[in-house]
Amino acid sequence: MSRTLKTVLGLCILLGFSSCQTTGDPTQGGIFWSERKANERLDERRANLGAIEADTARVKKRNQVLEDSAARKRRYLAE
C-alpha cells in the first residue's frame, strides 16, 4: 500500500471518529455510550414522571371533592 493511500485512509478514519458523539441514548445517534448522559436522561424522565404523578394526584383529589359535593346534593334533594 502506498504511503499516500495510507495517509488518506488514516485521515478518513480520524475524521470518522471525530464526527462521532457520545450519547446516553443509542437511538439518538453516535456510537459511543455515555453513562453520565444516560443518567441525565433518566433524571429528566424521573422528574417528568414525578410532575405527572403529582398532577394526577391533584386531579384525583379534586374529583373526590366534586363527587362528595354531588353526593351531598343528591342526599339533600332526596330528603
Protein backbone atom coordinates (compact mmCIF):
# COMPACT_ATOMS: atom_id res chain seq x y z
CA MET A 1 0.00 0.00 0.00
CA SER A 2 1.42 3.36 -0.94
CA ARG A 3 2.25 5.97 1.62
CA THR A 4 -0.33 8.40 0.14
CA LEU A 5 -3.10 5.82 0.32
CA LYS A 6 -2.21 5.04 3.95
CA THR A 7 -2.27 8.75 4.78
CA VAL A 8 -5.66 9.29 3.11
CA LEU A 9 -7.06 6.20 4.81
CA GLY A 10 -5.73 7.36 8.17
CA LEU A 11 -7.26 10.80 7.71
CA CYS A 12 -10.63 9.25 6.80
CA ILE A 13 -10.56 7.13 9.94
CA LEU A 14 -9.68 10.15 12.10
CA LEU A 15 -12.46 12.22 10.54
CA GLY A 16 -14.89 9.37 11.11
CA PHE A 17 -14.05 9.18 14.81
CA SER A 18 -14.11 12.94 15.28
CA SER A 19 -17.65 13.14 13.91
CA CYS A 20 -18.97 10.56 16.40
CA GLN A 21 -20.51 11.83 19.58
CA THR A 22 -21.13 10.31 22.96
CA THR A 23 -24.75 9.85 23.81
CA GLY A 24 -26.78 8.45 26.65
CA ASP A 25 -29.37 7.23 24.17
CA PRO A 26 -28.31 4.87 21.40
CA THR A 27 -31.39 5.79 19.37
CA GLN A 28 -30.22 9.42 19.15
CA GLY A 29 -27.08 8.74 17.15
CA GLY A 30 -23.44 8.39 17.99
CA ILE A 31 -21.66 5.13 18.54
CA PHE A 32 -20.20 5.82 21.96
CA TRP A 33 -22.34 5.40 25.07
CA SER A 34 -22.00 7.88 27.90
CA GLU A 35 -23.14 6.79 31.37
CA ARG A 36 -23.29 10.41 32.52
CA LYS A 37 -25.60 11.40 29.68
CA ALA A 38 -27.73 8.29 30.21
CA ASN A 39 -28.09 9.20 33.90
CA GLU A 40 -29.02 12.77 32.97
CA ARG A 41 -31.75 11.43 30.68
CA LEU A 42 -33.02 9.15 33.44
CA ASP A 43 -33.09 12.03 35.94
CA GLU A 44 -35.03 14.16 33.45
CA ARG A 45 -37.55 11.40 32.85
CA ARG A 46 -37.94 10.74 36.59
CA ALA A 47 -38.60 14.44 37.18
CA ASN A 48 -41.17 14.43 34.38
CA LEU A 49 -42.82 11.33 35.83
CA GLY A 50 -42.90 12.97 39.27
CA ALA A 51 -44.66 16.02 37.83
CA ILE A 52 -47.20 13.82 36.05
CA GLU A 53 -47.86 11.80 39.21
CA ALA A 54 -48.31 14.99 41.25
CA ASP A 55 -50.77 16.34 38.68
CA THR A 56 -52.65 13.03 38.66
CA ALA A 57 -52.91 13.10 42.47
CA ARG A 58 -54.22 16.68 42.33
CA VAL A 59 -56.87 15.76 39.76
CA LYS A 60 -57.94 12.69 41.75
CA LYS A 61 -58.29 14.78 44.90
CA ARG A 62 -60.35 17.38 43.03
CA ASN A 63 -62.57 14.63 41.58
CA GLN A 64 -63.16 13.22 45.07
CA VAL A 65 -64.18 16.67 46.34
CA LEU A 66 -66.62 17.05 43.43
CA GLU A 67 -68.04 13.55 43.93
CA ASP A 68 -68.56 14.22 47.66
CA SER A 69 -70.30 17.50 46.83
CA ALA A 70 -72.56 15.79 44.29
CA ALA A 71 -73.43 13.04 46.80
CA ARG A 72 -74.36 15.64 49.45
CA LYS A 73 -76.57 17.43 46.93
CA ARG A 74 -78.28 14.17 45.95
CA ARG A 75 -78.93 13.36 49.62
CA TYR A 76 -80.30 16.86 50.19
CA LEU A 77 -82.65 16.55 47.21
CA ALA A 78 -83.79 13.08 48.34
CA GLU A 79 -84.97 14.43 51.74
